[in-house]
């Protein structure tokens, strides 16, 4: 493949823009600067843009341990986005499969495969999401049955789907839901007269947050992890 076409595909740029990168000596092939647009590259060549490896690839799938204070959109007027945490080519082409609030931490999945993320976010696929919740007031045993029966969220028609609540401390619980309504966990606790002061997502589907990932760190998903969302 011509080098300019390779750059256009991997970077999402025009051939004219690729030519400028080459002229500016920003492209290396196997450790050597290459300026020729017609230079031929194959699978065995290592191509780098400004020191960053480029590869022809299919869809990408990542697990991120989202820190507090980051938003899951590409643009925000007040907070940094999770995409600035990624040292990947064209992170703007990815999206979050199931957004978290800026003050919510934990397991966040990012991809550029829309059909795959739909299996996570679509209500009809019934994908479990598990959260560790800290509340302002004590969580009472009555809340278990209330969440199991479904609660009425302010501004919503109908009840939430049955949810499983495990009380693990006076003001701590583990909540499993199968929906992804706006601010759902916070609104569920508000519906029973409590307030969430800390929220951390631990699991999506069968995929748990990698305990080796520090806040702000990420890693690619394995083929088995990717396929786990396609098994249903």
C-alpha atoms as a PDB file:
ATOM      1  CA  UNK A   1       0.000   0.000   0.000  1.00  0.00           C
ATOM      2  CA  UNK A   2       1.201   3.510  -0.788  1.00  0.00           C
ATOM      3  CA  UNK A   3       2.371   5.341   2.302  1.00  0.00           C
ATOM      4  CA  UNK A   4       0.060   8.323   1.774  1.00  0.00           C
ATOM      5  CA  UNK A   5      -2.954   5.990   1.486  1.00  0.00           C
ATOM      6  CA  UNK A   6      -1.815   4.155   4.626  1.00  0.00           C
ATOM      7  CA  UNK A   7      -1.613   7.460   6.508  1.00  0.00           C
ATOM      8  CA  UNK A   8      -5.003   8.537   5.238  1.00  0.00           C
ATOM      9  CA  UNK A   9      -6.577   5.304   6.455  1.00  0.00           C
ATOM     10  CA  UNK A  10      -4.938   5.157   9.874  1.00  0.00           C
ATOM     11  CA  UNK A  11      -5.120   8.870  10.692  1.00  0.00           C
ATOM     12  CA  UNK A  12      -8.372   9.721   8.941  1.00  0.00           C
ATOM     13  CA  UNK A  13      -6.771  12.484   6.839  1.00  0.00           C
ATOM     14  CA  UNK A  14      -6.636  13.394   3.152  1.00  0.00           C
ATOM     15  CA  UNK A  15      -3.729  12.450   0.917  1.00  0.00           C
ATOM     16  CA  UNK A  16      -2.800  16.122   0.733  1.00  0.00           C
ATOM     17  CA  UNK A  17      -2.607  16.255   4.524  1.00  0.00           C
ATOM     18  CA  UNK A  18      -0.603  13.030   4.495  1.00  0.00           C
ATOM     19  CA  UNK A  19       1.817  14.577   2.016  1.00  0.00           C
ATOM     20  CA  UNK A  20       2.405  17.512   4.342  1.00  0.00           C
ATOM     21  CA  UNK A  21       3.234  15.165   7.219  1.00  0.00           C
ATOM     22  CA  UNK A  22       5.750  13.431   4.986  1.00  0.00           C
ATOM     23  CA  UNK A  23       7.328  16.693   3.848  1.00  0.00           C
ATOM     24  CA  UNK A  24       7.542  17.830   7.478  1.00  0.00           C
ATOM     25  CA  UNK A  25       9.535  14.663   8.290  1.00  0.00           C
ATOM     26  CA  UNK A  26       6.961  13.445  10.812  1.00  0.00           C
ATOM     27  CA  UNK A  27       6.679   9.889   9.434  1.00  0.00           C
ATOM     28  CA  UNK A  28       9.140   7.080  10.081  1.00  0.00           C
ATOM     29  CA  UNK A  29       9.131   3.609   8.554  1.00  0.00           C
ATOM     30  CA  UNK A  30      11.260   1.025  10.351  1.00  0.00           C
ATOM     31  CA  UNK A  31      13.066   3.775  12.190  1.00  0.00           C
ATOM     32  CA  UNK A  32      13.894   5.871   9.122  1.00  0.00           C
ATOM     33  CA  UNK A  33      12.248   9.148   8.061  1.00  0.00           C
ATOM     34  CA  UNK A  34      10.378   8.698   4.790  1.00  0.00           C
ATOM     35  CA  UNK A  35       9.192  11.615   2.670  1.00  0.00           C
ATOM     36  CA  UNK A  36       7.912   9.794  -0.400  1.00  0.00           C
ATOM     37  CA  UNK A  37       4.121   9.479  -0.680  1.00  0.00           C
ATOM     38  CA  UNK A  38       4.490   6.523  -3.052  1.00  0.00           C
ATOM     39  CA  UNK A  39       6.698   4.553  -0.672  1.00  0.00           C
ATOM     40  CA  UNK A  40       5.215   1.059  -0.344  1.00  0.00           C
ATOM     41  CA  UNK A  41       4.425  -0.330   3.112  1.00  0.00           C
ATOM     42  CA  UNK A  42       3.169  -3.735   4.159  1.00  0.00           C
ATOM     43  CA  UNK A  43       2.301  -5.738   7.243  1.00  0.00           C
ATOM     44  CA  UNK A  44       5.958  -6.186   8.174  1.00  0.00           C
ATOM     45  CA  UNK A  45       6.740  -2.458   8.258  1.00  0.00           C
ATOM     46  CA  UNK A  46       6.626  -0.398  11.449  1.00  0.00           C
ATOM     47  CA  UNK A  47       5.153   3.009  10.631  1.00  0.00           C
ATOM     48  CA  UNK A  48       5.246   5.813  13.206  1.00  0.00           C
ATOM     49  CA  UNK A  49       3.727   9.278  13.221  1.00  0.00           C
ATOM     50  CA  UNK A  50       5.618  11.649  15.486  1.00  0.00           C
ATOM     51  CA  UNK A  51       6.831   8.643  17.476  1.00  0.00           C
ATOM     52  CA  UNK A  52       3.385   7.014  17.699  1.00  0.00           C
ATOM     53  CA  UNK A  53       2.912   3.586  16.054  1.00  0.00           C
ATOM     54  CA  UNK A  54       0.299   3.395  13.289  1.00  0.00           C
ATOM     55  CA  UNK A  55      -1.461   0.191  12.340  1.00  0.00           C
ATOM     56  CA  UNK A  56      -4.222  -0.782   9.991  1.00  0.00           C
ATOM     57  CA  UNK A  57      -6.799  -2.226  12.305  1.00  0.00           C
ATOM     58  CA  UNK A  58     -10.403  -3.093  12.793  1.00  0.00           C
ATOM     59  CA  UNK A  59     -12.628  -1.739  15.552  1.00  0.00           C
ATOM     60  CA  UNK A  60     -10.988  -0.891  18.876  1.00  0.00           C
ATOM     61  CA  UNK A  61     -12.206  -1.840  22.338  1.00  0.00           C
ATOM     62  CA  UNK A  62     -10.824  -0.457  25.606  1.00  0.00           C
ATOM     63  CA  UNK A  63     -11.468  -0.646  29.335  1.00  0.00           C
ATOM     64  CA  UNK A  64     -10.794   2.557  31.299  1.00  0.00           C
ATOM     65  CA  UNK A  65     -10.760   3.126  35.047  1.00  0.00           C
ATOM     66  CA  UNK A  66     -12.465   6.508  34.859  1.00  0.00           C
ATOM     67  CA  UNK A  67     -11.273   9.079  37.386  1.00  0.00           C
ATOM     68  CA  UNK A  68     -13.547  11.591  39.052  1.00  0.00           C
ATOM     69  CA  UNK A  69     -14.027  14.901  37.264  1.00  0.00           C
ATOM     70  CA  UNK A  70     -13.880  13.609  33.690  1.00  0.00           C
ATOM     71  CA  UNK A  71     -16.846  13.590  31.313  1.00  0.00           C
ATOM     72  CA  UNK A  72     -17.701  10.891  28.787  1.00  0.00           C
ATOM     73  CA  UNK A  73     -18.393  13.265  25.886  1.00  0.00           C
ATOM     74  CA  UNK A  74     -15.899  14.638  23.387  1.00  0.00           C
ATOM     75  CA  UNK A  75     -16.454  18.297  24.242  1.00  0.00           C
ATOM     76  CA  UNK A  76     -17.263  19.995  27.533  1.00  0.00           C
ATOM     77  CA  UNK A  77     -16.981  23.618  28.582  1.00  0.00           C
ATOM     78  CA  UNK A  78     -15.993  22.888  32.169  1.00  0.00           C
ATOM     79  CA  UNK A  79     -14.438  19.432  32.547  1.00  0.00           C
ATOM     80  CA  UNK A  80     -11.762  17.398  30.740  1.00  0.00           C
ATOM     81  CA  UNK A  81     -13.027  14.488  28.668  1.00  0.00           C
ATOM     82  CA  UNK A  82     -11.986  10.869  29.104  1.00  0.00           C
ATOM     83  CA  UNK A  83     -10.545  10.925  25.588  1.00  0.00           C
ATOM     84  CA  UNK A  84      -7.591  13.075  26.676  1.00  0.00           C
ATOM     85  CA  UNK A  85      -6.472  10.082  28.762  1.00  0.00           C
ATOM     86  CA  UNK A  86      -5.907   8.002  25.617  1.00  0.00           C
ATOM     87  CA  UNK A  87      -2.551   7.860  23.873  1.00  0.00           C
ATOM     88  CA  UNK A  88      -4.120   6.386  20.754  1.00  0.00           C
ATOM     89  CA  UNK A  89      -4.463   7.493  17.166  1.00  0.00           C
ATOM     90  CA  UNK A  90      -7.735   9.313  16.450  1.00  0.00           C
ATOM     91  CA  UNK A  91      -9.394   8.915  19.864  1.00  0.00           C
ATOM     92  CA  UNK A  92     -12.116  11.260  18.602  1.00  0.00           C
ATOM     93  CA  UNK A  93     -13.436   8.377  16.500  1.00  0.00           C
ATOM     94  CA  UNK A  94     -14.287   6.383  19.625  1.00  0.00           C
ATOM     95  CA  UNK A  95     -17.301   6.727  21.891  1.00  0.00           C
ATOM     96  CA  UNK A  96     -18.272   5.566  25.366  1.00  0.00           C
ATOM     97  CA  UNK A  97     -20.516   2.515  25.598  1.00  0.00           C
ATOM     98  CA  UNK A  98     -22.627   3.590  28.566  1.00  0.00           C
ATOM     99  CA  UNK A  99     -21.634   7.013  29.866  1.00  0.00           C
ATOM    100  CA  UNK A 100     -20.827   7.843  33.463  1.00  0.00           C
ATOM    101  CA  UNK A 101     -21.398  11.191  35.194  1.00  0.00           C
ATOM    102  CA  UNK A 102     -18.372  13.404  35.750  1.00  0.00           C
ATOM    103  CA  UNK A 103     -18.298  12.564  39.463  1.00  0.00           C
ATOM    104  CA  UNK A 104     -18.809   8.805  38.928  1.00  0.00           C
ATOM    105  CA  UNK A 105     -15.706   6.615  38.727  1.00  0.00           C
ATOM    106  CA  UNK A 106     -14.849   3.139  37.563  1.00  0.00           C
ATOM    107  CA  UNK A 107     -15.357   0.807  34.631  1.00  0.00           C
ATOM    108  CA  UNK A 108     -15.847   2.657  31.359  1.00  0.00           C
ATOM    109  CA  UNK A 109     -15.878   0.949  27.959  1.00  0.00           C
ATOM    110  CA  UNK A 110     -14.812   2.789  24.824  1.00  0.00           C
ATOM    111  CA  UNK A 111     -14.972   1.645  21.225  1.00  0.00           C
ATOM    112  CA  UNK A 112     -15.489   2.722  17.630  1.00  0.00           C
ATOM    113  CA  UNK A 113     -17.801  -0.254  16.990  1.00  0.00           C
ATOM    114  CA  UNK A 114     -21.354   1.075  17.155  1.00  0.00           C
ATOM    115  CA  UNK A 115     -23.051  -2.314  16.868  1.00  0.00           C
ATOM    116  CA  UNK A 116     -20.998  -3.685  19.757  1.00  0.00           C
ATOM    117  CA  UNK A 117     -21.774  -0.755  22.044  1.00  0.00           C
ATOM    118  CA  UNK A 118     -25.454  -1.110  21.161  1.00  0.00           C
ATOM    119  CA  UNK A 119     -25.386  -4.559  22.789  1.00  0.00           C
ATOM    120  CA  UNK A 120     -24.353  -2.837  26.023  1.00  0.00           C
ATOM    121  CA  UNK A 121     -26.610   0.195  25.987  1.00  0.00           C
ATOM    122  CA  UNK A 122     -29.815  -1.032  24.350  1.00  0.00           C
ATOM    123  CA  UNK A 123     -32.504  -1.877  26.947  1.00  0.00           C
ATOM    124  CA  UNK A 124     -33.602  -4.952  25.012  1.00  0.00           C
ATOM    125  CA  UNK A 125     -30.253  -6.678  25.574  1.00  0.00           C
ATOM    126  CA  UNK A 126     -30.619  -6.491  29.390  1.00  0.00           C
ATOM    127  CA  UNK A 127     -26.938  -5.904  30.177  1.00  0.00           C
ATOM    128  CA  UNK A 128     -26.227  -5.747  33.919  1.00  0.00           C
ATOM    129  CA  UNK A 129     -24.328  -2.785  35.399  1.00  0.00           C
ATOM    130  CA  UNK A 130     -23.021  -3.068  38.951  1.00  0.00           C
ATOM    131  CA  UNK A 131     -22.251  -0.021  41.103  1.00  0.00           C
ATOM    132  CA  UNK A 132     -20.727   0.491  44.528  1.00  0.00           C
ATOM    133  CA  UNK A 133     -22.805   3.233  46.137  1.00  0.00           C
ATOM    134  CA  UNK A 134     -22.118   5.513  49.100  1.00  0.00           C
ATOM    135  CA  UNK A 135     -25.065   7.462  50.507  1.00  0.00           C
ATOM    136  CA  UNK A 136     -25.614  10.444  52.766  1.00  0.00           C
ATOM    137  CA  UNK A 137     -28.082   8.615  55.012  1.00  0.00           C
ATOM    138  CA  UNK A 138     -28.203   4.978  56.141  1.00  0.00           C
ATOM    139  CA  UNK A 139     -29.483   2.472  53.603  1.00  0.00           C
ATOM    140  CA  UNK A 140     -32.421   0.605  55.115  1.00  0.00           C
ATOM    141  CA  UNK A 141     -33.530  -2.989  54.532  1.00  0.00           C
ATOM    142  CA  UNK A 142     -36.813  -1.746  53.057  1.00  0.00           C
ATOM    143  CA  UNK A 143     -34.876  -0.345  50.081  1.00  0.00           C
ATOM    144  CA  UNK A 144     -34.032  -3.883  48.927  1.00  0.00           C
ATOM    145  CA  UNK A 145     -37.676  -4.725  48.283  1.00  0.00           C
ATOM    146  CA  UNK A 146     -38.380  -1.256  46.871  1.00  0.00           C
ATOM    147  CA  UNK A 147     -35.651  -1.577  44.251  1.00  0.00           C
ATOM    148  CA  UNK A 148     -36.652  -5.146  43.462  1.00  0.00           C
ATOM    149  CA  UNK A 149     -40.225  -3.994  42.800  1.00  0.00           C
ATOM    150  CA  UNK A 150     -39.098  -0.944  40.795  1.00  0.00           C
ATOM    151  CA  UNK A 151     -39.268   2.696  41.818  1.00  0.00           C
ATOM    152  CA  UNK A 152     -40.828   5.735  40.206  1.00  0.00           C
ATOM    153  CA  UNK A 153     -38.215   8.186  38.957  1.00  0.00           C
ATOM    154  CA  UNK A 154     -39.107  11.844  38.820  1.00  0.00           C
ATOM    155  CA  UNK A 155     -40.152  12.768  35.283  1.00  0.00           C
ATOM    156  CA  UNK A 156     -40.366   9.167  34.037  1.00  0.00           C
ATOM    157  CA  UNK A 157     -43.364   7.091  33.037  1.00  0.00           C
ATOM    158  CA  UNK A 158     -43.574   3.706  34.692  1.00  0.00           C
ATOM    159  CA  UNK A 159     -41.274   2.074  37.212  1.00  0.00           C
ATOM    160  CA  UNK A 160     -37.636   1.144  36.835  1.00  0.00           C
ATOM    161  CA  UNK A 161     -36.827  -2.454  36.018  1.00  0.00           C
ATOM    162  CA  UNK A 162     -36.249  -4.730  39.017  1.00  0.00           C
ATOM    163  CA  UNK A 163     -32.854  -4.004  40.550  1.00  0.00           C
ATOM    164  CA  UNK A 164     -30.809  -5.922  43.104  1.00  0.00           C
ATOM    165  CA  UNK A 165     -29.499  -4.054  46.148  1.00  0.00           C
ATOM    166  CA  UNK A 166     -26.999  -5.551  48.585  1.00  0.00           C
ATOM    167  CA  UNK A 167     -26.318  -3.553  51.752  1.00  0.00           C
ATOM    168  CA  UNK A 168     -22.618  -3.852  52.641  1.00  0.00           C
ATOM    169  CA  UNK A 169     -22.332  -1.042  55.184  1.00  0.00           C
ATOM    170  CA  UNK A 170     -24.504   1.449  57.022  1.00  0.00           C
ATOM    171  CA  UNK A 171     -24.212   3.897  54.127  1.00  0.00           C
ATOM    172  CA  UNK A 172     -22.788   1.565  51.487  1.00  0.00           C
ATOM    173  CA  UNK A 173     -24.456  -0.705  48.995  1.00  0.00           C
ATOM    174  CA  UNK A 174     -23.892  -2.639  45.773  1.00  0.00           C
ATOM    175  CA  UNK A 175     -26.633  -2.019  43.213  1.00  0.00           C
ATOM    176  CA  UNK A 176     -27.191  -4.066  40.044  1.00  0.00           C
ATOM    177  CA  UNK A 177     -29.382  -2.536  37.341  1.00  0.00           C
ATOM    178  CA  UNK A 178     -30.174  -3.525  33.758  1.00  0.00           C
ATOM    179  CA  UNK A 179     -31.052  -0.085  32.428  1.00  0.00           C
ATOM    180  CA  UNK A 180     -29.098   3.058  31.733  1.00  0.00           C
ATOM    181  CA  UNK A 181     -31.453   5.940  32.345  1.00  0.00           C
ATOM    182  CA  UNK A 182     -30.034   9.417  32.907  1.00  0.00           C
ATOM    183  CA  UNK A 183     -28.457   9.591  36.400  1.00  0.00           C
ATOM    184  CA  UNK A 184     -30.420   6.436  37.188  1.00  0.00           C
ATOM    185  CA  UNK A 185     -28.659   5.254  40.351  1.00  0.00           C
ATOM    186  CA  UNK A 186     -28.749   8.720  41.917  1.00  0.00           C
ATOM    187  CA  UNK A 187     -32.402   9.146  40.992  1.00  0.00           C
ATOM    188  CA  UNK A 188     -33.333   5.714  42.370  1.00  0.00           C
ATOM    189  CA  UNK A 189     -31.909   6.546  45.776  1.00  0.00           C
ATOM    190  CA  UNK A 190     -33.506   9.998  45.645  1.00  0.00           C
ATOM    191  CA  UNK A 191     -36.842   8.253  45.009  1.00  0.00           C
ATOM    192  CA  UNK A 192     -36.527   6.438  48.347  1.00  0.00           C
ATOM    193  CA  UNK A 193     -35.422   9.547  50.243  1.00  0.00           C
ATOM    194  CA  UNK A 194     -31.658   9.166  50.181  1.00  0.00           C
ATOM    195  CA  UNK A 195     -28.780  10.883  48.378  1.00  0.00           C
ATOM    196  CA  UNK A 196     -25.788   9.345  46.615  1.00  0.00           C
ATOM    197  CA  UNK A 197     -22.461  10.894  47.628  1.00  0.00           C
ATOM    198  CA  UNK A 198     -20.140   8.399  45.943  1.00  0.00           C
ATOM    199  CA  UNK A 199     -20.615   6.147  42.922  1.00  0.00           C
ATOM    200  CA  UNK A 200     -18.217   3.646  41.334  1.00  0.00           C
ATOM    201  CA  UNK A 201     -19.037   1.207  38.516  1.00  0.00           C
ATOM    202  CA  UNK A 202     -17.520  -2.214  39.157  1.00  0.00           C
ATOM    203  CA  UNK A 203     -18.930  -4.396  36.391  1.00  0.00           C
ATOM    204  CA  UNK A 204     -20.702  -4.309  33.020  1.00  0.00           C
ATOM    205  CA  UNK A 205     -22.163  -7.607  31.857  1.00  0.00           C
ATOM    206  CA  UNK A 206     -19.671 -10.242  32.983  1.00  0.00           C
ATOM    207  CA  UNK A 207     -16.740  -7.851  32.607  1.00  0.00           C
ATOM    208  CA  UNK A 208     -15.268  -6.552  35.855  1.00  0.00           C
ATOM    209  CA  UNK A 209     -12.943  -3.574  36.215  1.00  0.00           C
ATOM    210  CA  UNK A 210      -9.329  -4.728  36.083  1.00  0.00           C
ATOM    211  CA  UNK A 211      -7.995  -4.201  39.609  1.00  0.00           C
ATOM    212  CA  UNK A 212      -4.523  -3.460  38.196  1.00  0.00           C
ATOM    213  CA  UNK A 213      -5.771  -0.313  36.457  1.00  0.00           C
ATOM    214  CA  UNK A 214      -5.193   2.859  38.442  1.00  0.00           C
ATOM    215  CA  UNK A 215      -7.632   5.760  37.922  1.00  0.00           C
ATOM    216  CA  UNK A 216      -6.944   7.207  34.477  1.00  0.00           C
ATOM    217  CA  UNK A 217      -5.320   4.033  33.137  1.00  0.00           C
ATOM    218  CA  UNK A 218      -6.759   1.871  30.367  1.00  0.00           C
ATOM    219  CA  UNK A 219      -6.052  -1.310  28.429  1.00  0.00           C
ATOM    220  CA  UNK A 220      -7.409  -3.069  25.317  1.00  0.00           C
ATOM    221  CA  UNK A 221     -10.067  -5.695  25.841  1.00  0.00           C
ATOM    222  CA  UNK A 222      -9.209  -9.295  25.069  1.00  0.00           C
ATOM    223  CA  UNK A 223     -11.002 -11.167  22.301  1.00  0.00           C
ATOM    224  CA  UNK A 224     -12.878 -13.159  24.963  1.00  0.00           C
ATOM    225  CA  UNK A 225     -13.996  -9.983  26.745  1.00  0.00           C
ATOM    226  CA  UNK A 226     -15.197  -8.432  23.494  1.00  0.00           C
ATOM    227  CA  UNK A 227     -17.126 -11.596  22.572  1.00  0.00           C
ATOM    228  CA  UNK A 228     -18.811 -11.769  25.997  1.00  0.00           C
ATOM    229  CA  UNK A 229     -21.220  -9.014  24.930  1.00  0.00           C
ATOM    230  CA  UNK A 230     -22.137 -10.859  21.734  1.00  0.00           C
ATOM    231  CA  UNK A 231     -23.001 -14.173  23.356  1.00  0.00           C
ATOM    232  CA  UNK A 232     -26.667 -13.369  24.042  1.00  0.00           C
END
